[in-house]
Amino acid sequence: MTSASLPTRRSEFAAGFRDMTPLIIGGIPFGIIYGALAVASGISPWTTLAMSLFVFAGSSQFIAVGLIAGGASIPVIILTTFVVNLRHALYSASLAPFVRHLPQRWLLPLAAMLTDESFLVTNRPYQRTDSSPTKHGDYLGANLGMYIPWQISTLIGILFGAVIPDASQLGLDFAMSATFIGMLVPAIKGRPVLLAVVVAGVTAILAHGLPNQIGLFLAAVLGVIAGVIGERLWPDQAAYTLAAEAHDEAELTIAETHE
């Protein structure tokens, strides 16, 4: 791909925002349920909305609502939500090689808005082997593609949650799981990835009963380990490696251009 045909930051942003659309459809009911449950649990509307604005982590927000409603102490709430979100450290480590060249004004918002959904979508541009230096635009588009609808859906849940009888029993939260499965399956390419998915899935099921959803973190760690072992057993050149090399070449080209 020539430099003239490489995507621009604006087109990358639009692609990331667009690719998030299927997950937005699944996320909106999830956000509405959160807003409704939080207010019904006695949390003020402003606090409920602030959690979506500044925490922006669906599973942690649901857990925090339950802990707050149960009178848990602040240290317990912080520690529990920290453990639940440990999987984000793995996401960040995976993306670090591709964004390490970015300035802090980019890294901070990208890190703050990283979610399960945006990680899934953001993987796509970094798996390409072209040397586009603007793939972080796709990353930002994917992040905002979930962040904005999450705030809107939370507000809807706050405002109209009272007219939804026991929202948690409607099963709307399954929409997110179904959407994830639909987007994840096409991404399973090669035996190492399949092994990682199977190990992570089985672990998540077996460890489902562990407290504070630590089973999710355990599943993520074992899935990563299984993927690494799979790469050694079936040493096919990973798409990530190709993309990282292309990205490094792009950085070198840009540096040479500015010298």
Protein backbone atom coordinates (compact mmCIF):
# COMPACT_ATOMS: atom_id res chain seq x y z
CA MET A 1 0.00 0.00 0.00
CA THR A 2 1.52 3.32 -1.05
CA SER A 3 1.61 6.36 1.22
CA ALA A 4 -0.93 8.09 -1.05
CA SER A 5 -3.46 5.28 -0.48
CA LEU A 6 -2.93 4.95 3.28
CA PRO A 7 -5.99 5.85 5.38
CA THR A 8 -6.05 9.21 7.10
CA ARG A 9 -6.58 9.73 10.83
CA ARG A 10 -10.12 10.91 10.10
CA SER A 11 -10.96 7.85 8.03
CA GLU A 12 -9.42 5.58 10.66
CA PHE A 13 -11.53 7.31 13.34
CA ALA A 14 -14.69 6.83 11.28
CA ALA A 15 -13.84 3.16 10.72
CA GLY A 16 -13.34 2.53 14.45
CA PHE A 17 -16.59 4.30 15.33
CA ARG A 18 -18.45 2.38 12.61
CA ASP A 19 -17.02 -1.00 13.60
CA MET A 20 -18.27 -0.45 17.15
CA THR A 21 -21.91 -0.25 15.97
CA PRO A 22 -22.78 -3.94 16.53
CA LEU A 23 -21.45 -3.78 20.07
CA ILE A 24 -23.30 -0.52 20.72
CA ILE A 25 -26.55 -2.36 19.98
CA GLY A 26 -25.68 -4.89 22.65
CA GLY A 27 -24.32 -2.32 25.08
CA ILE A 28 -27.27 0.06 25.19
CA PRO A 29 -29.62 -2.34 27.06
CA PHE A 30 -26.75 -3.08 29.45
CA GLY A 31 -26.31 0.63 30.19
CA ILE A 32 -30.04 1.17 30.67
CA ILE A 33 -30.19 -1.67 33.18
CA TYR A 34 -27.22 -0.24 35.06
CA GLY A 35 -28.82 3.21 35.32
CA ALA A 36 -32.13 1.77 36.47
CA LEU A 37 -30.60 -0.59 39.05
CA ALA A 38 -28.28 2.05 40.48
CA VAL A 39 -31.09 4.53 41.13
CA ALA A 40 -33.34 1.77 42.45
CA SER A 41 -30.57 0.81 44.89
CA GLY A 42 -30.66 4.29 46.41
CA ILE A 43 -27.70 5.81 44.57
CA SER A 44 -28.30 9.39 43.46
CA PRO A 45 -28.76 10.08 39.74
CA TRP A 46 -25.67 12.30 39.67
CA THR A 47 -23.49 9.63 41.29
CA THR A 48 -24.88 7.01 38.92
CA LEU A 49 -24.03 9.15 35.91
CA ALA A 50 -20.62 10.08 37.33
CA MET A 51 -19.71 6.40 37.58
CA SER A 52 -20.37 5.97 33.88
CA LEU A 53 -18.46 9.14 33.03
CA PHE A 54 -15.35 8.47 35.11
CA VAL A 55 -15.28 4.72 35.81
CA PHE A 56 -16.67 3.56 32.45
CA ALA A 57 -16.50 -0.18 33.17
CA GLY A 58 -19.82 -1.97 33.02
CA SER A 59 -19.05 -5.03 35.13
CA SER A 60 -17.28 -2.96 37.80
CA GLN A 61 -20.14 -0.48 37.89
CA PHE A 62 -22.68 -3.24 38.48
CA ILE A 63 -20.55 -4.75 41.24
CA ALA A 64 -19.97 -1.33 42.83
CA VAL A 65 -23.71 -0.67 42.86
CA GLY A 66 -24.31 -3.89 44.76
CA LEU A 67 -21.54 -3.15 47.24
CA ILE A 68 -22.70 0.42 47.81
CA ALA A 69 -26.28 -0.72 48.31
CA GLY A 70 -25.03 -3.32 50.79
CA GLY A 71 -23.14 -0.73 52.83
CA ALA A 72 -19.62 -1.93 51.95
CA SER A 73 -16.68 0.28 52.91
CA ILE A 74 -14.84 2.37 50.33
CA PRO A 75 -11.61 0.28 50.50
CA VAL A 76 -13.62 -2.90 49.81
CA ILE A 77 -15.36 -1.28 46.85
CA ILE A 78 -12.07 -0.01 45.39
CA LEU A 79 -10.26 -3.33 45.87
CA THR A 80 -13.09 -5.38 44.40
CA THR A 81 -13.50 -3.26 41.29
CA PHE A 82 -9.71 -3.22 40.87
CA VAL A 83 -9.59 -7.02 40.82
CA VAL A 84 -12.49 -7.24 38.39
CA ASN A 85 -10.71 -4.86 36.00
CA LEU A 86 -7.29 -6.53 36.14
CA ARG A 87 -7.95 -7.98 32.69
CA HIS A 88 -7.50 -4.46 31.31
CA ALA A 89 -3.81 -4.71 32.21
CA LEU A 90 -3.57 -7.57 29.72
CA TYR A 91 -5.36 -5.52 27.07
CA SER A 92 -2.97 -2.63 27.63
CA ALA A 93 0.09 -4.88 27.46
CA SER A 94 -1.16 -6.29 24.18
CA LEU A 95 -1.67 -2.84 22.64
CA ALA A 96 1.45 -1.22 24.11
CA PRO A 97 3.82 -2.12 21.23
CA PHE A 98 1.55 -0.31 18.78
CA VAL A 99 0.97 2.91 20.73
CA ARG A 100 4.24 3.39 22.60
CA HIS A 101 5.29 6.17 20.22
CA LEU A 102 2.22 8.32 20.98
CA PRO A 103 2.46 11.39 23.26
CA GLN A 104 0.73 11.47 26.66
CA ARG A 105 -2.15 13.56 25.31
CA TRP A 106 -3.09 10.50 23.25
CA LEU A 107 -2.13 7.73 25.64
CA LEU A 108 -4.13 9.01 28.62
CA PRO A 109 -7.58 9.19 26.96
CA LEU A 110 -6.98 6.00 24.99
CA ALA A 111 -6.12 4.13 28.19
CA ALA A 112 -8.98 5.66 30.19
CA MET A 113 -11.63 4.62 27.66
CA LEU A 114 -10.28 1.14 26.85
CA THR A 115 -12.97 -1.51 27.35
CA ASP A 116 -13.57 -5.12 26.37
CA GLU A 117 -15.52 -3.91 23.36
CA SER A 118 -13.04 -1.34 22.11
CA PHE A 119 -10.17 -3.80 22.57
CA LEU A 120 -11.95 -6.28 20.32
CA VAL A 121 -12.52 -3.67 17.63
CA THR A 122 -9.11 -2.00 18.01
CA ASN A 123 -7.33 -5.27 17.32
CA ARG A 124 -8.44 -5.12 13.70
CA PRO A 125 -6.35 -2.21 12.41
CA TYR A 126 -3.27 -3.45 14.26
CA GLN A 127 -3.62 -6.83 12.59
CA ARG A 128 -3.30 -5.18 9.20
CA THR A 129 0.15 -5.35 7.65
CA ASP A 130 0.10 -1.89 6.07
CA SER A 131 2.34 0.85 7.44
CA SER A 132 -0.36 3.39 8.26
CA PRO A 133 0.87 5.67 11.11
CA THR A 134 -2.67 6.77 12.03
CA LYS A 135 -4.18 3.54 13.36
CA HIS A 136 -4.59 5.16 16.78
CA GLY A 137 -7.39 7.17 15.15
CA ASP A 138 -9.30 3.90 14.80
CA TYR A 139 -8.55 3.19 18.46
CA LEU A 140 -10.01 6.55 19.51
CA GLY A 141 -13.05 6.10 17.27
CA ALA A 142 -13.76 2.69 18.78
CA ASN A 143 -13.41 4.07 22.31
CA LEU A 144 -15.76 6.99 21.72
CA GLY A 145 -18.10 4.70 19.79
CA MET A 146 -18.85 2.94 23.06
CA TYR A 147 -18.24 5.77 25.53
CA ILE A 148 -20.89 8.14 24.15
CA PRO A 149 -23.74 5.59 23.85
CA TRP A 150 -22.90 4.26 27.33
CA GLN A 151 -23.49 7.70 28.83
CA ILE A 152 -26.73 8.11 26.91
CA SER A 153 -28.03 4.67 27.88
CA THR A 154 -27.12 5.30 31.53
CA LEU A 155 -29.09 8.55 31.43
CA ILE A 156 -32.08 6.73 29.89
CA GLY A 157 -31.95 4.16 32.68
CA ILE A 158 -31.82 6.93 35.29
CA LEU A 159 -34.74 8.83 33.82
CA PHE A 160 -37.03 5.95 32.88
CA GLY A 161 -35.81 3.12 35.09
CA ALA A 162 -38.75 3.56 37.44
CA VAL A 163 -41.17 2.45 34.72
CA ILE A 164 -39.15 -0.71 33.96
CA PRO A 165 -40.32 -3.47 36.31
CA ASP A 166 -37.24 -5.29 37.69
CA ALA A 167 -34.99 -4.56 34.71
CA SER A 168 -32.42 -7.15 35.77
CA GLN A 169 -34.92 -9.95 35.07
CA LEU A 170 -35.64 -8.96 31.47
CA GLY A 171 -32.56 -10.70 30.10
CA LEU A 172 -31.49 -7.67 28.08
CA ASP A 173 -27.91 -8.01 29.31
CA PHE A 174 -27.54 -11.17 27.21
CA ALA A 175 -27.52 -8.94 24.12
CA MET A 176 -23.94 -7.95 24.91
CA SER A 177 -22.79 -11.55 25.29
CA ALA A 178 -24.46 -12.58 22.04
CA THR A 179 -22.88 -9.65 20.21
CA PHE A 180 -19.44 -10.49 21.57
CA ILE A 181 -19.76 -14.09 20.43
CA GLY A 182 -20.82 -12.97 16.96
CA MET A 183 -17.78 -10.71 16.60
CA LEU A 184 -15.28 -13.04 18.27
CA VAL A 185 -15.93 -16.19 16.22
CA PRO A 186 -14.76 -14.72 12.86
CA ALA A 187 -11.54 -13.58 14.58
CA ILE A 188 -10.58 -17.17 15.48
CA LYS A 189 -7.94 -17.80 12.84
CA GLY A 190 -5.36 -20.51 13.38
CA ARG A 191 -4.88 -23.18 16.00
CA PRO A 192 -3.06 -20.99 18.57
CA VAL A 193 -6.01 -18.59 18.71
CA LEU A 194 -8.50 -21.45 18.89
CA LEU A 195 -6.55 -23.01 21.76
CA ALA A 196 -6.51 -19.69 23.63
CA VAL A 197 -10.26 -19.25 23.17
CA VAL A 198 -11.07 -22.79 24.30
CA VAL A 199 -8.86 -22.59 27.40
CA ALA A 200 -10.20 -19.16 28.36
CA GLY A 201 -13.80 -20.23 27.78
CA VAL A 202 -13.53 -23.44 29.78
CA THR A 203 -11.72 -21.63 32.60
CA ALA A 204 -14.36 -18.90 32.72
CA ILE A 205 -17.08 -21.54 33.07
CA LEU A 206 -15.27 -23.58 35.73
CA ALA A 207 -14.20 -20.50 37.70
CA HIS A 208 -17.55 -18.75 37.44
CA GLY A 209 -18.29 -19.24 41.14
CA LEU A 210 -15.14 -17.51 42.39
CA PRO A 211 -15.77 -14.26 44.31
CA ASN A 212 -15.50 -10.79 42.78
CA GLN A 213 -15.46 -12.23 39.24
CA ILE A 214 -11.81 -13.14 39.64
CA GLY A 215 -12.57 -16.08 37.37
CA LEU A 216 -12.62 -13.65 34.42
CA PHE A 217 -9.08 -12.52 35.15
CA LEU A 218 -7.95 -16.13 35.65
CA ALA A 219 -9.53 -17.09 32.32
CA ALA A 220 -7.78 -14.22 30.56
CA VAL A 221 -4.38 -15.13 32.01
CA LEU A 222 -4.68 -18.83 31.18
CA GLY A 223 -5.98 -17.96 27.71
CA VAL A 224 -2.88 -15.84 27.07
CA ILE A 225 -0.62 -18.62 28.33
CA ALA A 226 -2.39 -21.13 26.12
CA GLY A 227 -1.98 -18.83 23.12
CA VAL A 228 1.76 -18.50 23.75
CA ILE A 229 2.10 -22.28 24.04
CA GLY A 230 0.05 -22.65 20.88
CA GLU A 231 2.41 -20.34 18.99
CA ARG A 232 5.30 -22.58 20.04
CA LEU A 233 3.48 -25.76 19.07
CA TRP A 234 2.31 -24.35 15.73
CA PRO A 235 4.92 -21.71 14.84
CA ASP A 236 2.92 -19.85 12.24
CA GLN A 237 3.92 -16.20 11.98
CA ALA A 238 1.36 -14.27 14.00
CA ALA A 239 -0.58 -11.44 12.44
CA TYR A 240 0.35 -9.31 15.44
CA THR A 241 4.03 -9.79 14.70
CA LEU A 242 3.57 -8.73 11.09
CA ALA A 243 1.54 -5.72 12.11
CA ALA A 244 4.08 -4.70 14.75
CA GLU A 245 6.93 -4.91 12.23
CA ALA A 246 4.97 -2.85 9.71
CA HIS A 247 4.19 -0.30 12.41
CA ASP A 248 7.85 -0.07 13.42
CA GLU A 249 8.81 0.45 9.77
CA ALA A 250 6.25 3.26 9.55
CA GLU A 251 7.72 4.93 12.65
CA LEU A 252 11.21 4.67 11.14
CA THR A 253 10.02 6.15 7.84
CA ILE A 254 8.35 9.06 9.64
CA ALA A 255 11.49 9.71 11.70
CA GLU A 256 13.68 9.68 8.62
CA THR A 257 11.29 12.07 6.86
CA HIS A 258 11.56 14.61 9.70
CA GLU A 259 15.35 14.44 9.90
